[in-house]
Amino acid sequence: MKLSKKCRYALRALIDLSANSQDSYTVLGSIAERNGISQQYLEQVFATLRKAGIVKGIKGFQGGYRLNVDPKELTVSEILEALDGTYLIEDEEVPEDSHGRGIAVSIQNIVIDQINRQLEETLKSITLDDLRKNYLDYKENDQDMYYI
């Protein structure tokens, strides 16, 4: 599995959004600037997130975006699926001949199915709130120290 740039940027932007504005709307320009992401690209990402019901957007002078789902209820799995569809490894191609078929089935059962179960379990257990808390802990405790 490879996490697409779109998914990485979405996760960064959603963590930023959940950490910096609980009840208010935030303009994408400020999220883009804080995270070094193109605002135009982020607009495309947020259009997809809005269609999936993850964020809510308002146009106009005091517009912007806010989360439409409680961060404690929003899993990484749901975010990735909204953006890229399935994140699971594709099934093994099974050849017609019996020798190759047995090998392909073994790979599917022992490798791919187990990886997919573990991946799904992990991504469904991590919420946006978990990511937000980890970010805030880092921001508070682990920032680069400067000594003179």
Protein backbone atom coordinates (compact mmCIF):
# COMPACT_ATOMS: atom_id res chain seq x y z
CA MET A 1 0.00 0.00 0.00
CA LYS A 2 1.18 3.47 -0.82
CA LEU A 3 -0.43 6.47 0.83
CA SER A 4 -1.14 8.99 -1.95
CA LYS A 5 -0.03 12.59 -1.75
CA LYS A 6 -3.69 13.59 -1.76
CA CYS A 7 -4.33 11.47 1.36
CA ARG A 8 -1.20 12.74 3.12
CA TYR A 9 -2.15 16.36 2.43
CA ALA A 10 -5.73 15.72 3.52
CA LEU A 11 -4.59 14.19 6.80
CA ARG A 12 -2.22 17.12 7.44
CA ALA A 13 -4.93 19.65 6.66
CA LEU A 14 -7.56 17.88 8.77
CA ILE A 15 -5.20 17.62 11.74
CA ASP A 16 -4.47 21.34 11.37
CA LEU A 17 -8.17 22.13 11.07
CA SER A 18 -9.10 20.09 14.14
CA ALA A 19 -6.24 21.54 16.19
CA ASN A 20 -6.74 25.19 15.26
CA SER A 21 -10.49 25.64 14.97
CA GLN A 22 -13.09 23.58 16.76
CA ASP A 23 -16.25 25.59 16.14
CA SER A 24 -15.19 28.29 13.70
CA TYR A 25 -14.55 28.26 9.98
CA THR A 26 -10.97 28.43 8.74
CA VAL A 27 -9.89 29.60 5.30
CA LEU A 28 -7.88 27.12 3.28
CA GLY A 29 -5.20 29.72 2.64
CA SER A 30 -4.13 29.68 6.28
CA ILE A 31 -4.08 25.86 6.40
CA ALA A 32 -2.12 25.74 3.14
CA GLU A 33 0.39 28.29 4.38
CA ARG A 34 0.97 26.58 7.75
CA ASN A 35 1.52 23.22 6.06
CA GLY A 36 3.36 24.19 2.89
CA ILE A 37 0.62 22.87 0.62
CA SER A 38 -0.64 24.52 -2.56
CA GLN A 39 -3.97 26.21 -1.84
CA GLN A 40 -5.32 25.20 -5.26
CA TYR A 41 -4.50 21.55 -4.57
CA LEU A 42 -6.02 21.78 -1.11
CA GLU A 43 -9.22 23.20 -2.64
CA GLN A 44 -9.54 20.06 -4.77
CA VAL A 45 -8.92 17.83 -1.75
CA PHE A 46 -11.48 19.70 0.37
CA ALA A 47 -14.08 19.53 -2.41
CA THR A 48 -13.84 15.74 -2.15
CA LEU A 49 -13.94 15.86 1.67
CA ARG A 50 -17.00 18.13 1.51
CA LYS A 51 -18.80 15.73 -0.84
CA ALA A 52 -18.04 12.91 1.60
CA GLY A 53 -19.54 14.95 4.48
CA ILE A 54 -16.26 15.16 6.40
CA VAL A 55 -15.99 18.95 6.23
CA LYS A 56 -18.50 21.73 5.79
CA GLY A 57 -17.71 24.78 3.70
CA ILE A 58 -19.14 28.27 3.57
CA LYS A 59 -18.38 30.77 0.82
CA GLY A 60 -18.00 34.47 1.37
CA PHE A 61 -16.14 36.97 3.53
CA GLN A 62 -16.26 34.96 6.75
CA GLY A 63 -16.36 31.62 4.98
CA GLY A 64 -14.02 28.71 5.09
CA TYR A 65 -14.15 25.14 6.29
CA ARG A 66 -14.80 23.33 9.53
CA LEU A 67 -15.13 19.70 10.45
CA ASN A 68 -18.58 18.26 9.92
CA VAL A 69 -17.78 15.10 11.93
CA ASP A 70 -16.58 14.78 15.51
CA PRO A 71 -12.80 14.07 15.34
CA LYS A 72 -13.30 11.30 17.92
CA GLU A 73 -15.65 9.53 15.48
CA LEU A 74 -13.72 10.12 12.24
CA THR A 75 -11.26 7.33 11.45
CA VAL A 76 -8.25 7.44 9.17
CA SER A 77 -9.92 4.62 7.24
CA GLU A 78 -12.93 6.83 6.44
CA ILE A 79 -10.72 9.70 5.31
CA LEU A 80 -8.63 7.53 2.99
CA GLU A 81 -11.71 5.84 1.53
CA ALA A 82 -13.35 9.20 0.85
CA LEU A 83 -10.32 10.35 -1.13
CA ASP A 84 -8.96 7.28 -2.89
CA GLY A 85 -11.52 4.54 -2.46
CA THR A 86 -10.11 1.30 -1.13
CA TYR A 87 -6.68 1.35 0.46
CA LEU A 88 -6.37 -2.43 0.58
CA ILE A 89 -3.87 -4.43 -1.46
CA GLU A 90 -5.49 -5.83 -4.59
CA ASP A 91 -6.25 -9.54 -4.71
CA GLU A 92 -3.68 -11.86 -6.24
CA GLU A 93 -4.29 -12.72 -9.88
CA VAL A 94 -5.17 -16.38 -10.03
CA PRO A 95 -3.95 -18.23 -13.14
CA GLU A 96 -6.05 -20.94 -14.77
CA ASP A 97 -3.57 -23.81 -14.45
CA SER A 98 -3.72 -25.81 -11.23
CA HIS A 99 -0.05 -25.38 -10.23
CA GLY A 100 -0.08 -21.59 -10.56
CA ARG A 101 -3.52 -21.39 -9.04
CA GLY A 102 -2.41 -23.09 -5.82
CA ILE A 103 0.55 -20.73 -5.47
CA ALA A 104 -1.61 -17.65 -6.10
CA VAL A 105 -4.21 -18.82 -3.57
CA SER A 106 -1.45 -19.38 -1.00
CA ILE A 107 -0.12 -15.85 -1.55
CA GLN A 108 -3.64 -14.45 -1.28
CA ASN A 109 -4.50 -16.36 1.92
CA ILE A 110 -1.21 -16.08 3.79
CA VAL A 111 0.11 -12.69 2.69
CA ILE A 112 -2.46 -10.37 1.14
CA ASP A 113 -5.49 -11.26 3.26
CA GLN A 114 -3.50 -11.01 6.51
CA ILE A 115 -1.94 -7.67 5.54
CA ASN A 116 -5.34 -6.30 4.55
CA ARG A 117 -6.93 -7.42 7.85
CA GLN A 118 -4.14 -5.81 9.89
CA LEU A 119 -4.19 -2.65 7.78
CA GLU A 120 -7.95 -2.29 8.07
CA GLU A 121 -7.87 -2.94 11.81
CA THR A 122 -5.18 -0.31 12.30
CA LEU A 123 -6.72 2.39 10.11
CA LYS A 124 -10.17 1.89 11.64
CA SER A 125 -8.73 2.20 15.16
CA ILE A 126 -6.98 5.56 14.62
CA THR A 127 -9.18 8.65 14.78
CA LEU A 128 -8.55 12.21 13.72
CA ASP A 129 -8.66 13.08 17.41
CA ASP A 130 -5.76 10.66 18.06
CA LEU A 131 -3.73 12.41 15.35
CA ARG A 132 -4.68 15.85 16.70
CA LYS A 133 -3.62 14.93 20.24
CA ASN A 134 -0.32 13.52 19.04
CA TYR A 135 0.34 16.69 17.04
CA LEU A 136 -0.49 18.93 20.01
CA ASP A 137 1.77 16.86 22.29
CA TYR A 138 4.60 17.21 19.79
CA LYS A 139 3.97 20.93 19.41
CA GLU A 140 4.01 21.40 23.18
CA ASN A 141 6.87 19.08 24.17
CA ASP A 142 9.11 18.11 21.31
CA GLN A 143 9.81 21.29 19.40
CA ASP A 144 13.38 21.84 18.41
CA MET A 145 15.38 23.22 21.32
CA TYR A 146 17.85 26.01 20.74
CA TYR A 147 20.83 26.43 23.04
CA ILE A 148 23.29 29.29 23.25
